[in-house]
PDB file of N, CA and C in Angstrom:
ATOM      1  N   UNK A   1     -61.771  68.038  57.279  1.00  0.00           N
ATOM      2  CA  UNK A   1     -60.993  67.238  56.352  1.00  0.00           C
ATOM      3  C   UNK A   1     -59.718  66.766  57.058  1.00  0.00           C
ATOM      4  N   UNK A   2     -59.375  65.551  56.809  1.00  0.00           N
ATOM      5  CA  UNK A   2     -58.147  65.027  57.392  1.00  0.00           C
ATOM      6  C   UNK A   2     -56.970  65.274  56.455  1.00  0.00           C
ATOM      7  N   UNK A   3     -55.795  64.913  56.901  1.00  0.00           N
ATOM      8  CA  UNK A   3     -54.565  65.180  56.154  1.00  0.00           C
ATOM      9  C   UNK A   3     -54.554  64.477  54.788  1.00  0.00           C
ATOM     10  N   UNK A   4     -55.066  63.262  54.728  1.00  0.00           N
ATOM     11  CA  UNK A   4     -55.070  62.520  53.461  1.00  0.00           C
ATOM     12  C   UNK A   4     -55.924  63.235  52.412  1.00  0.00           C
ATOM     13  N   UNK A   5     -57.041  63.795  52.802  1.00  0.00           N
ATOM     14  CA  UNK A   5     -57.895  64.517  51.863  1.00  0.00           C
ATOM     15  C   UNK A   5     -57.209  65.775  51.350  1.00  0.00           C
ATOM     16  N   UNK A   6     -56.524  66.471  52.230  1.00  0.00           N
ATOM     17  CA  UNK A   6     -55.826  67.693  51.828  1.00  0.00           C
ATOM     18  C   UNK A   6     -54.698  67.360  50.862  1.00  0.00           C
ATOM     19  N   UNK A   7     -53.951  66.300  51.149  1.00  0.00           N
ATOM     20  CA  UNK A   7     -52.868  65.882  50.249  1.00  0.00           C
ATOM     21  C   UNK A   7     -53.437  65.468  48.900  1.00  0.00           C
ATOM     22  N   UNK A   8     -54.525  64.720  48.901  1.00  0.00           N
ATOM     23  CA  UNK A   8     -55.158  64.280  47.653  1.00  0.00           C
ATOM     24  C   UNK A   8     -55.591  65.480  46.812  1.00  0.00           C
ATOM     25  N   UNK A   9     -56.231  66.453  47.439  1.00  0.00           N
ATOM     26  CA  UNK A   9     -56.652  67.648  46.710  1.00  0.00           C
ATOM     27  C   UNK A   9     -55.444  68.428  46.198  1.00  0.00           C
ATOM     28  N   UNK A  10     -54.386  68.500  46.981  1.00  0.00           N
ATOM     29  CA  UNK A  10     -53.181  69.207  46.560  1.00  0.00           C
ATOM     30  C   UNK A  10     -52.533  68.551  45.357  1.00  0.00           C
ATOM     31  N   UNK A  11     -52.428  67.231  45.378  1.00  0.00           N
ATOM     32  CA  UNK A  11     -51.835  66.510  44.248  1.00  0.00           C
ATOM     33  C   UNK A  11     -52.709  66.658  43.009  1.00  0.00           C
ATOM     34  N   UNK A  12     -54.010  66.558  43.171  1.00  0.00           N
ATOM     35  CA  UNK A  12     -54.929  66.712  42.043  1.00  0.00           C
ATOM     36  C   UNK A  12     -54.823  68.105  41.438  1.00  0.00           C
ATOM     37  N   UNK A  13     -54.807  69.119  42.289  1.00  0.00           N
ATOM     38  CA  UNK A  13     -54.685  70.492  41.799  1.00  0.00           C
ATOM     39  C   UNK A  13     -53.330  70.693  41.115  1.00  0.00           C
ATOM     40  N   UNK A  14     -52.263  70.125  41.680  1.00  0.00           N
ATOM     41  CA  UNK A  14     -50.937  70.235  41.075  1.00  0.00           C
ATOM     42  C   UNK A  14     -50.882  69.603  39.699  1.00  0.00           C
ATOM     43  N   UNK A  15     -51.497  68.436  39.550  1.00  0.00           N
ATOM     44  CA  UNK A  15     -51.532  67.772  38.243  1.00  0.00           C
ATOM     45  C   UNK A  15     -52.333  68.594  37.238  1.00  0.00           C
ATOM     46  N   UNK A  16     -53.398  69.230  37.690  1.00  0.00           N
ATOM     47  CA  UNK A  16     -54.192  70.080  36.805  1.00  0.00           C
ATOM     48  C   UNK A  16     -53.367  71.270  36.329  1.00  0.00           C
ATOM     49  N   UNK A  17     -52.606  71.871  37.230  1.00  0.00           N
ATOM     50  CA  UNK A  17     -51.760  73.009  36.863  1.00  0.00           C
ATOM     51  C   UNK A  17     -50.707  72.579  35.843  1.00  0.00           C
ATOM     52  N   UNK A  18     -50.096  71.425  36.056  1.00  0.00           N
ATOM     53  CA  UNK A  18     -49.101  70.919  35.103  1.00  0.00           C
ATOM     54  C   UNK A  18     -49.741  70.680  33.732  1.00  0.00           C
ATOM     55  N   UNK A  19     -50.953  70.114  33.713  1.00  0.00           N
ATOM     56  CA  UNK A  19     -51.659  69.889  32.460  1.00  0.00           C
ATOM     57  C   UNK A  19     -51.917  71.210  31.728  1.00  0.00           C
ATOM     58  N   UNK A  20     -52.351  72.221  32.455  1.00  0.00           N
ATOM     59  CA  UNK A  20     -52.615  73.525  31.845  1.00  0.00           C
ATOM     60  C   UNK A  20     -51.329  74.113  31.267  1.00  0.00           C
ATOM     61  N   UNK A  21     -50.225  73.991  32.001  1.00  0.00           N
ATOM     62  CA  UNK A  21     -48.956  74.508  31.492  1.00  0.00           C
ATOM     63  C   UNK A  21     -48.515  73.780  30.223  1.00  0.00           C
ATOM     64  N   UNK A  22     -48.721  72.478  30.164  1.00  0.00           N
ATOM     65  CA  UNK A  22     -48.371  71.711  28.959  1.00  0.00           C
ATOM     66  C   UNK A  22     -49.215  72.170  27.781  1.00  0.00           C
ATOM     67  N   UNK A  23     -50.501  72.369  27.999  1.00  0.00           N
ATOM     68  CA  UNK A  23     -51.390  72.816  26.912  1.00  0.00           C
ATOM     69  C   UNK A  23     -50.979  74.202  26.435  1.00  0.00           C
ATOM     70  N   UNK A  24     -50.694  75.102  27.355  1.00  0.00           N
ATOM     71  CA  UNK A  24     -50.289  76.459  26.973  1.00  0.00           C
ATOM     72  C   UNK A  24     -48.982  76.417  26.178  1.00  0.00           C
ATOM     73  N   UNK A  25     -48.023  75.609  26.631  1.00  0.00           N
ATOM     74  CA  UNK A  25     -46.740  75.517  25.933  1.00  0.00           C
ATOM     75  C   UNK A  25     -46.904  74.877  24.559  1.00  0.00           C
ATOM     76  N   UNK A  26     -47.767  73.886  24.450  1.00  0.00           N
ATOM     77  CA  UNK A  26     -47.957  73.189  23.189  1.00  0.00           C
ATOM     78  C   UNK A  26     -48.618  74.085  22.144  1.00  0.00           C
ATOM     79  N   UNK A  27     -49.597  74.856  22.560  1.00  0.00           N
ATOM     80  CA  UNK A  27     -50.360  75.648  21.598  1.00  0.00           C
ATOM     81  C   UNK A  27     -49.908  77.095  21.505  1.00  0.00           C
ATOM     82  N   UNK A  28     -48.744  77.438  22.063  1.00  0.00           N
ATOM     83  CA  UNK A  28     -48.270  78.814  21.952  1.00  0.00           C
ATOM     84  C   UNK A  28     -47.828  79.093  20.516  1.00  0.00           C
ATOM     85  N   UNK A  29     -47.911  80.325  20.109  1.00  0.00           N
ATOM     86  CA  UNK A  29     -47.591  80.726  18.735  1.00  0.00           C
ATOM     87  C   UNK A  29     -46.133  80.422  18.392  1.00  0.00           C
ATOM     88  N   UNK A  30     -45.228  80.676  19.324  1.00  0.00           N
ATOM     89  CA  UNK A  30     -43.816  80.453  19.065  1.00  0.00           C
ATOM     90  C   UNK A  30     -43.535  78.970  18.816  1.00  0.00           C
ATOM     91  N   UNK A  31     -44.105  78.095  19.623  1.00  0.00           N
ATOM     92  CA  UNK A  31     -43.898  76.658  19.452  1.00  0.00           C
ATOM     93  C   UNK A  31     -44.505  76.173  18.143  1.00  0.00           C
ATOM     94  N   UNK A  32     -45.642  76.723  17.770  1.00  0.00           N
ATOM     95  CA  UNK A  32     -46.283  76.307  16.527  1.00  0.00           C
ATOM     96  C   UNK A  32     -45.400  76.663  15.337  1.00  0.00           C
ATOM     97  N   UNK A  33     -44.828  77.837  15.369  1.00  0.00           N
ATOM     98  CA  UNK A  33     -43.949  78.249  14.276  1.00  0.00           C
ATOM     99  C   UNK A  33     -42.728  77.344  14.184  1.00  0.00           C
ATOM    100  N   UNK A  34     -42.141  76.955  15.330  1.00  0.00           N
ATOM    101  CA  UNK A  34     -40.976  76.070  15.310  1.00  0.00           C
ATOM    102  C   UNK A  34     -41.346  74.699  14.751  1.00  0.00           C
ATOM    103  N   UNK A  35     -42.516  74.202  15.075  1.00  0.00           N
ATOM    104  CA  UNK A  35     -42.961  72.912  14.559  1.00  0.00           C
ATOM    105  C   UNK A  35     -43.212  72.940  13.070  1.00  0.00           C
ATOM    106  N   UNK A  36     -43.729  74.040  12.579  1.00  0.00           N
ATOM    107  CA  UNK A  36     -43.992  74.168  11.153  1.00  0.00           C
ATOM    108  C   UNK A  36     -42.686  74.211  10.360  1.00  0.00           C
ATOM    109  N   UNK A  37     -41.653  74.811  10.902  1.00  0.00           N
ATOM    110  CA  UNK A  37     -40.371  74.882  10.201  1.00  0.00           C
ATOM    111  C   UNK A  37     -39.839  73.475   9.940  1.00  0.00           C
ATOM    112  N   UNK A  38     -39.896  72.624  10.953  1.00  0.00           N
ATOM    113  CA  UNK A  38     -39.394  71.256  10.778  1.00  0.00           C
ATOM    114  C   UNK A  38     -40.206  70.501   9.721  1.00  0.00           C
ATOM    115  N   UNK A  39     -41.512  70.725   9.702  1.00  0.00           N
ATOM    116  CA  UNK A  39     -42.350  70.039   8.715  1.00  0.00           C
ATOM    117  C   UNK A  39     -41.974  70.458   7.302  1.00  0.00           C
ATOM    118  N   UNK A  40     -41.784  71.747   7.104  1.00  0.00           N
ATOM    119  CA  UNK A  40     -41.457  72.224   5.764  1.00  0.00           C
ATOM    120  C   UNK A  40     -40.055  71.814   5.346  1.00  0.00           C
ATOM    121  N   UNK A  41     -39.137  71.671   6.291  1.00  0.00           N
ATOM    122  CA  UNK A  41     -37.787  71.196   5.948  1.00  0.00           C
ATOM    123  C   UNK A  41     -37.857  69.756   5.467  1.00  0.00           C
ATOM    124  N   UNK A  42     -38.674  68.949   6.095  1.00  0.00           N
ATOM    125  CA  UNK A  42     -38.818  67.551   5.658  1.00  0.00           C
ATOM    126  C   UNK A  42     -39.437  67.483   4.267  1.00  0.00           C
ATOM    127  N   UNK A  43     -40.409  68.336   3.994  1.00  0.00           N
ATOM    128  CA  UNK A  43     -41.029  68.347   2.685  1.00  0.00           C
ATOM    129  C   UNK A  43     -40.044  68.807   1.611  1.00  0.00           C
ATOM    130  N   UNK A  44     -39.180  69.781   1.948  1.00  0.00           N
ATOM    131  CA  UNK A  44     -38.181  70.252   0.992  1.00  0.00           C
ATOM    132  C   UNK A  44     -37.135  69.198   0.683  1.00  0.00           C
ATOM    133  N   UNK A  45     -36.844  68.318   1.636  1.00  0.00           N
ATOM    134  CA  UNK A  45     -35.848  67.275   1.426  1.00  0.00           C
ATOM    135  C   UNK A  45     -36.317  66.254   0.392  1.00  0.00           C
ATOM    136  N   UNK A  46     -37.609  66.092   0.258  1.00  0.00           N
ATOM    137  CA  UNK A  46     -38.143  65.105  -0.705  1.00  0.00           C
ATOM    138  C   UNK A  46     -38.017  65.630  -2.074  1.00  0.00           C
TER     139      UNK A  46
END
């Protein structure tokens, strides 16, 4: 493999890792609870 292939694989793997971290952060229990609080506050304001 030449240098361009190694860089391409590295960037692809890095983007995959970032995607996994975003999914984990989005669907974590703590984040879900914080999102639900804002929704219920908006409903209470009506």
